[in-house]
């Protein structure tokens, strides 16, 4: 299981286009749940960063597809709540950087995305 399904592409096409759909989405606690995920990813769960940032791009006008993806992330958290960051003694204290990028992955703007992580003593620090 992954925090964000690789087969799903979120875009503004998933945003509500009618007033009725917008009012329906106002009844759903999307922003509250997203805010909790933002806090969680910053505080303790770096594995959520990409998926939460992707969902945050649609916070201004979320649709049902965005809500379903957010629920997928919550299900992922429930299944992985035993995960933790561990640092190994005796490991190298020299920082190692890993970088990944996705060319033109944002469907609406065709902007690319990139992420990196620094690891020290076998655990992420940034």
N, C-alpha and C. Protein backbone atom coordinates (compact mmCIF):
# COMPACT_ATOMS: atom_id res chain seq x y z
N UNK A 1 0.84 -1.18 0.00
CA UNK A 1 0.00 0.00 0.00
C UNK A 1 0.89 1.25 0.00
N UNK A 2 0.48 2.23 -0.75
CA UNK A 2 1.21 3.49 -0.83
C UNK A 2 0.32 4.64 -0.36
N UNK A 3 0.92 5.75 0.08
CA UNK A 3 0.10 6.88 0.54
C UNK A 3 -0.78 7.47 -0.56
N UNK A 4 -0.33 7.41 -1.80
CA UNK A 4 -1.11 7.94 -2.92
C UNK A 4 -1.07 6.92 -4.03
N UNK A 5 -2.21 6.55 -4.52
CA UNK A 5 -2.27 5.55 -5.57
C UNK A 5 -1.55 6.04 -6.82
N UNK A 6 -0.60 5.26 -7.36
CA UNK A 6 0.15 5.71 -8.53
C UNK A 6 -0.70 5.82 -9.80
N UNK A 7 -1.83 5.15 -9.85
CA UNK A 7 -2.65 5.17 -11.06
C UNK A 7 -3.59 6.38 -11.12
N UNK A 8 -3.75 7.09 -10.01
CA UNK A 8 -4.65 8.23 -9.96
C UNK A 8 -3.91 9.52 -10.29
N UNK A 9 -4.47 10.31 -11.19
CA UNK A 9 -3.91 11.61 -11.52
C UNK A 9 -4.94 12.66 -11.11
N UNK A 10 -4.59 13.47 -10.14
CA UNK A 10 -5.50 14.52 -9.68
C UNK A 10 -5.30 15.77 -10.53
N UNK A 11 -6.40 16.44 -10.82
CA UNK A 11 -6.32 17.69 -11.59
C UNK A 11 -7.51 18.56 -11.23
N UNK A 12 -7.52 19.75 -11.80
CA UNK A 12 -8.65 20.65 -11.56
C UNK A 12 -9.92 20.14 -12.23
N UNK A 13 -9.79 19.18 -13.14
CA UNK A 13 -10.97 18.56 -13.75
C UNK A 13 -11.82 17.85 -12.69
N UNK A 14 -11.20 17.48 -11.56
CA UNK A 14 -11.91 16.81 -10.48
C UNK A 14 -12.60 17.78 -9.54
N UNK A 15 -12.39 19.08 -9.74
CA UNK A 15 -13.01 20.08 -8.88
C UNK A 15 -14.48 20.25 -9.24
N UNK A 16 -15.32 20.63 -8.25
CA UNK A 16 -16.74 20.85 -8.55
C UNK A 16 -16.92 22.00 -9.54
N UNK A 17 -17.86 21.81 -10.44
CA UNK A 17 -18.11 22.83 -11.46
C UNK A 17 -19.47 23.50 -11.29
N UNK A 18 -20.32 22.95 -10.44
CA UNK A 18 -21.63 23.54 -10.20
C UNK A 18 -21.74 23.96 -8.75
N UNK A 19 -22.65 24.87 -8.50
CA UNK A 19 -22.87 25.35 -7.14
C UNK A 19 -23.36 24.23 -6.22
N UNK A 20 -24.18 23.32 -6.75
CA UNK A 20 -24.67 22.20 -5.94
C UNK A 20 -23.52 21.31 -5.48
N UNK A 21 -22.60 21.02 -6.39
CA UNK A 21 -21.45 20.17 -6.03
C UNK A 21 -20.53 20.89 -5.04
N UNK A 22 -20.36 22.21 -5.21
CA UNK A 22 -19.55 22.97 -4.26
C UNK A 22 -20.18 22.94 -2.87
N UNK A 23 -21.50 23.11 -2.80
CA UNK A 23 -22.19 23.07 -1.51
C UNK A 23 -22.11 21.69 -0.87
N UNK A 24 -22.15 20.65 -1.69
CA UNK A 24 -22.01 19.27 -1.18
C UNK A 24 -20.63 19.08 -0.56
N UNK A 25 -19.59 19.62 -1.21
CA UNK A 25 -18.22 19.49 -0.70
C UNK A 25 -18.01 20.30 0.58
N UNK A 26 -18.77 21.37 0.76
CA UNK A 26 -18.64 22.18 1.98
C UNK A 26 -19.07 21.41 3.21
N UNK A 27 -19.88 20.37 3.04
CA UNK A 27 -20.34 19.53 4.16
C UNK A 27 -19.28 18.50 4.56
N UNK A 28 -18.29 18.31 3.71
CA UNK A 28 -17.25 17.30 3.96
C UNK A 28 -16.06 17.98 4.63
N UNK A 29 -15.51 17.38 5.69
CA UNK A 29 -14.40 18.01 6.43
C UNK A 29 -13.04 17.87 5.74
N UNK A 30 -12.98 18.22 4.47
CA UNK A 30 -11.73 18.09 3.69
C UNK A 30 -10.61 18.93 4.28
N UNK A 31 -10.89 20.21 4.55
CA UNK A 31 -9.84 21.11 5.03
C UNK A 31 -9.33 20.72 6.41
N UNK A 32 -10.22 20.27 7.28
CA UNK A 32 -9.81 19.85 8.61
C UNK A 32 -8.92 18.62 8.54
N UNK A 33 -9.31 17.65 7.72
CA UNK A 33 -8.51 16.44 7.57
C UNK A 33 -7.17 16.75 6.91
N UNK A 34 -7.19 17.62 5.91
CA UNK A 34 -5.94 17.99 5.24
C UNK A 34 -5.01 18.71 6.20
N UNK A 35 -5.55 19.59 7.03
CA UNK A 35 -4.72 20.28 8.03
C UNK A 35 -4.08 19.31 9.00
N UNK A 36 -4.81 18.29 9.41
CA UNK A 36 -4.25 17.27 10.30
C UNK A 36 -3.13 16.50 9.61
N UNK A 37 -3.32 16.20 8.33
CA UNK A 37 -2.28 15.48 7.58
C UNK A 37 -1.04 16.35 7.40
N UNK A 38 -1.24 17.64 7.19
CA UNK A 38 -0.09 18.54 7.05
C UNK A 38 0.73 18.54 8.33
N UNK A 39 0.06 18.63 9.46
CA UNK A 39 0.77 18.60 10.74
C UNK A 39 1.50 17.27 10.90
N UNK A 40 0.84 16.18 10.57
CA UNK A 40 1.43 14.85 10.74
C UNK A 40 2.66 14.67 9.85
N UNK A 41 2.57 15.11 8.60
CA UNK A 41 3.71 14.94 7.69
C UNK A 41 4.91 15.77 8.14
N UNK A 42 4.67 16.94 8.68
CA UNK A 42 5.76 17.79 9.13
C UNK A 42 6.38 17.24 10.41
N UNK A 43 5.52 16.76 11.32
CA UNK A 43 5.99 16.35 12.64
C UNK A 43 6.63 14.96 12.67
N UNK A 44 5.98 13.98 12.02
CA UNK A 44 6.46 12.61 12.23
C UNK A 44 6.42 11.69 11.03
N UNK A 45 5.78 12.06 9.94
CA UNK A 45 5.58 11.12 8.83
C UNK A 45 6.06 11.67 7.49
N UNK A 46 7.37 11.63 7.25
CA UNK A 46 7.88 12.14 5.97
C UNK A 46 7.40 11.33 4.77
N UNK A 47 6.89 10.12 4.98
CA UNK A 47 6.38 9.33 3.87
C UNK A 47 5.09 9.91 3.28
N UNK A 48 4.48 10.85 3.97
CA UNK A 48 3.23 11.45 3.50
C UNK A 48 3.43 12.75 2.73
N UNK A 49 4.65 13.25 2.69
CA UNK A 49 4.88 14.60 2.17
C UNK A 49 4.35 14.77 0.75
N UNK A 50 4.70 13.90 -0.16
CA UNK A 50 4.29 14.08 -1.54
C UNK A 50 2.77 14.04 -1.68
N UNK A 51 2.14 13.04 -1.10
CA UNK A 51 0.69 12.90 -1.27
C UNK A 51 -0.06 14.06 -0.62
N UNK A 52 0.37 14.51 0.55
CA UNK A 52 -0.31 15.62 1.22
C UNK A 52 -0.11 16.92 0.44
N UNK A 53 1.09 17.15 -0.07
CA UNK A 53 1.33 18.34 -0.87
C UNK A 53 0.51 18.32 -2.16
N UNK A 54 0.35 17.15 -2.75
CA UNK A 54 -0.47 17.03 -3.96
C UNK A 54 -1.93 17.37 -3.65
N UNK A 55 -2.44 16.86 -2.54
CA UNK A 55 -3.82 17.17 -2.15
C UNK A 55 -3.99 18.65 -1.80
N UNK A 56 -2.97 19.24 -1.21
CA UNK A 56 -3.05 20.65 -0.82
C UNK A 56 -3.16 21.57 -2.03
N UNK A 57 -2.72 21.12 -3.19
CA UNK A 57 -2.84 21.93 -4.40
C UNK A 57 -4.30 22.19 -4.77
N UNK A 58 -5.20 21.36 -4.26
CA UNK A 58 -6.61 21.48 -4.60
C UNK A 58 -7.46 21.92 -3.42
N UNK A 59 -6.83 22.45 -2.38
CA UNK A 59 -7.55 22.85 -1.17
C UNK A 59 -8.51 24.00 -1.43
N UNK A 60 -8.27 24.81 -2.44
CA UNK A 60 -9.15 25.94 -2.73
C UNK A 60 -10.51 25.51 -3.26
N UNK A 61 -10.58 24.33 -3.92
CA UNK A 61 -11.84 23.86 -4.49
C UNK A 61 -11.80 22.34 -4.65
N UNK A 62 -11.78 21.60 -3.53
CA UNK A 62 -11.65 20.14 -3.63
C UNK A 62 -12.93 19.49 -4.14
N UNK A 63 -12.74 18.41 -4.85
CA UNK A 63 -13.87 17.63 -5.35
C UNK A 63 -13.92 16.27 -4.68
N UNK A 64 -14.89 15.48 -5.08
CA UNK A 64 -15.06 14.14 -4.50
C UNK A 64 -13.83 13.27 -4.75
N UNK A 65 -13.21 13.38 -5.92
CA UNK A 65 -12.00 12.59 -6.20
C UNK A 65 -10.88 12.95 -5.23
N UNK A 66 -10.76 14.24 -4.91
CA UNK A 66 -9.74 14.67 -3.95
C UNK A 66 -10.06 14.12 -2.56
N UNK A 67 -11.33 14.16 -2.19
CA UNK A 67 -11.75 13.62 -0.89
C UNK A 67 -11.47 12.12 -0.82
N UNK A 68 -11.76 11.40 -1.89
CA UNK A 68 -11.49 9.96 -1.91
C UNK A 68 -10.00 9.67 -1.78
N UNK A 69 -9.16 10.50 -2.41
CA UNK A 69 -7.71 10.32 -2.28
C UNK A 69 -7.26 10.62 -0.85
N UNK A 70 -7.84 11.63 -0.24
CA UNK A 70 -7.50 11.95 1.16
C UNK A 70 -7.89 10.79 2.07
N UNK A 71 -9.05 10.19 1.82
CA UNK A 71 -9.46 9.02 2.61
C UNK A 71 -8.50 7.85 2.39
N UNK A 72 -7.96 7.73 1.18
CA UNK A 72 -6.97 6.69 0.90
C UNK A 72 -5.72 6.91 1.76
N UNK A 73 -5.29 8.17 1.87
CA UNK A 73 -4.12 8.49 2.70
C UNK A 73 -4.41 8.15 4.16
N UNK A 74 -5.62 8.45 4.63
CA UNK A 74 -5.99 8.12 6.02
C UNK A 74 -5.98 6.61 6.25
N UNK A 75 -6.44 5.85 5.26
CA UNK A 75 -6.41 4.39 5.35
C UNK A 75 -4.98 3.89 5.39
N UNK A 76 -4.11 4.51 4.59
CA UNK A 76 -2.69 4.16 4.61
C UNK A 76 -2.10 4.40 6.00
N UNK A 77 -2.43 5.52 6.60
CA UNK A 77 -1.91 5.84 7.95
C UNK A 77 -2.39 4.80 8.96
N UNK A 78 -3.66 4.45 8.87
CA UNK A 78 -4.20 3.45 9.80
C UNK A 78 -3.44 2.12 9.67
N UNK A 79 -3.10 1.74 8.45
CA UNK A 79 -2.39 0.49 8.23
C UNK A 79 -0.91 0.54 8.54
N UNK A 80 -0.37 1.75 8.70
CA UNK A 80 1.07 1.88 8.92
C UNK A 80 1.38 2.66 10.20
N UNK A 81 0.45 2.70 11.13
CA UNK A 81 0.67 3.49 12.34
C UNK A 81 1.82 2.96 13.21
N UNK A 82 2.26 1.74 12.94
CA UNK A 82 3.39 1.19 13.68
C UNK A 82 4.73 1.60 13.07
N UNK A 83 4.71 2.29 11.92
CA UNK A 83 5.96 2.76 11.31
C UNK A 83 6.60 3.82 12.19
N UNK A 84 7.91 3.86 12.19
CA UNK A 84 8.61 4.89 12.96
C UNK A 84 9.97 5.15 12.31
N UNK A 85 10.50 6.31 12.62
CA UNK A 85 11.84 6.64 12.15
C UNK A 85 12.82 6.10 13.18
N UNK A 86 13.80 5.35 12.72
CA UNK A 86 14.81 4.81 13.63
C UNK A 86 16.19 5.23 13.14
N UNK A 87 17.03 5.54 14.09
CA UNK A 87 18.41 5.90 13.81
C UNK A 87 19.29 4.79 14.37
N UNK A 88 20.26 4.34 13.58
CA UNK A 88 21.12 3.23 13.99
C UNK A 88 22.45 3.75 14.47
N UNK A 89 22.80 3.36 15.68
CA UNK A 89 24.11 3.70 16.21
C UNK A 89 25.19 3.01 15.42
N UNK A 90 26.31 3.63 15.29
CA UNK A 90 27.41 3.05 14.54
C UNK A 90 27.30 3.29 13.04
N UNK A 91 26.19 3.87 12.60
CA UNK A 91 26.04 4.20 11.18
C UNK A 91 26.77 5.50 10.88
N UNK A 92 26.98 5.74 9.63
CA UNK A 92 27.68 6.95 9.20
C UNK A 92 26.90 8.20 9.57
N UNK A 93 27.62 9.19 10.07
CA UNK A 93 26.99 10.47 10.37
C UNK A 93 27.13 11.44 9.20
N UNK A 94 27.67 10.95 8.11
CA UNK A 94 27.77 11.77 6.91
C UNK A 94 26.39 11.79 6.23
N UNK A 95 25.87 12.98 5.95
CA UNK A 95 24.54 13.04 5.33
C UNK A 95 24.55 12.48 3.90
N UNK A 96 23.51 11.76 3.58
CA UNK A 96 23.31 11.22 2.24
C UNK A 96 22.02 11.83 1.72
N UNK A 97 22.04 12.31 0.46
CA UNK A 97 20.84 12.91 -0.12
C UNK A 97 20.30 12.02 -1.23
N UNK A 98 18.98 11.81 -1.21
CA UNK A 98 18.28 11.11 -2.27
C UNK A 98 17.34 12.11 -2.92
N UNK A 99 17.29 12.09 -4.25
CA UNK A 99 16.46 13.04 -4.99
C UNK A 99 15.61 12.26 -5.99
N UNK A 100 14.38 12.71 -6.17
CA UNK A 100 13.50 12.13 -7.18
C UNK A 100 12.74 13.27 -7.84
N UNK A 101 12.41 13.11 -9.10
CA UNK A 101 11.65 14.14 -9.80
C UNK A 101 10.68 13.50 -10.77
N UNK A 102 9.70 14.27 -11.15
CA UNK A 102 8.68 13.81 -12.09
C UNK A 102 8.44 14.95 -13.07
N UNK A 103 8.82 14.76 -14.31
CA UNK A 103 8.75 15.82 -15.31
C UNK A 103 7.30 16.08 -15.72
N UNK A 104 6.87 17.32 -15.58
CA UNK A 104 5.55 17.78 -16.03
C UNK A 104 4.41 16.96 -15.44
N UNK A 105 4.50 16.62 -14.17
CA UNK A 105 3.51 15.72 -13.57
C UNK A 105 2.20 16.41 -13.19
N UNK A 106 2.20 17.72 -13.04
CA UNK A 106 0.95 18.42 -12.72
C UNK A 106 0.16 18.61 -14.01
N UNK A 107 -0.94 17.95 -14.10
CA UNK A 107 -1.73 17.91 -15.32
C UNK A 107 -2.20 19.30 -15.76
N UNK A 108 -2.57 20.15 -14.81
CA UNK A 108 -3.14 21.46 -15.13
C UNK A 108 -2.09 22.44 -15.66
N UNK A 109 -0.92 22.48 -15.04
CA UNK A 109 0.09 23.47 -15.39
C UNK A 109 1.28 22.88 -16.12
N UNK A 110 1.37 21.55 -16.16
CA UNK A 110 2.51 20.83 -16.74
C UNK A 110 3.81 21.15 -16.03
N UNK A 111 3.72 21.55 -14.78
CA UNK A 111 4.92 21.80 -13.99
C UNK A 111 5.49 20.49 -13.48
N UNK A 112 6.77 20.49 -13.28
CA UNK A 112 7.44 19.32 -12.75
C UNK A 112 7.46 19.38 -11.23
N UNK A 113 7.71 18.25 -10.61
CA UNK A 113 7.82 18.21 -9.17
C UNK A 113 9.10 17.46 -8.80
N UNK A 114 9.65 17.82 -7.66
CA UNK A 114 10.90 17.22 -7.21
C UNK A 114 10.86 17.09 -5.70
N UNK A 115 11.53 16.11 -5.21
CA UNK A 115 11.63 15.96 -3.76
C UNK A 115 13.00 15.41 -3.40
N UNK A 116 13.39 15.66 -2.17
CA UNK A 116 14.66 15.11 -1.70
C UNK A 116 14.56 14.78 -0.22
N UNK A 117 15.44 13.91 0.19
CA UNK A 117 15.50 13.55 1.60
C UNK A 117 16.98 13.40 1.98
N UNK A 118 17.31 13.92 3.15
CA UNK A 118 18.65 13.75 3.71
C UNK A 118 18.58 12.70 4.80
N UNK A 119 19.51 11.77 4.76
CA UNK A 119 19.55 10.66 5.72
C UNK A 119 20.86 10.72 6.50
N UNK A 120 20.77 10.59 7.82
CA UNK A 120 21.94 10.49 8.69
C UNK A 120 21.67 9.34 9.66
N UNK A 121 22.65 8.49 9.86
CA UNK A 121 22.53 7.35 10.77
C UNK A 121 21.32 6.48 10.39
N UNK A 122 21.13 6.29 9.11
CA UNK A 122 20.08 5.44 8.54
C UNK A 122 18.66 5.97 8.80
N UNK A 123 18.51 7.22 9.15
CA UNK A 123 17.18 7.80 9.37
C UNK A 123 17.07 9.17 8.73
N UNK A 124 15.88 9.53 8.22
CA UNK A 124 15.72 10.83 7.58
C UNK A 124 15.80 11.97 8.58
N UNK A 125 16.43 13.06 8.17
CA UNK A 125 16.50 14.25 9.04
C UNK A 125 15.87 15.46 8.37
N UNK A 126 15.72 15.42 7.06
CA UNK A 126 15.13 16.56 6.34
C UNK A 126 14.54 16.08 5.04
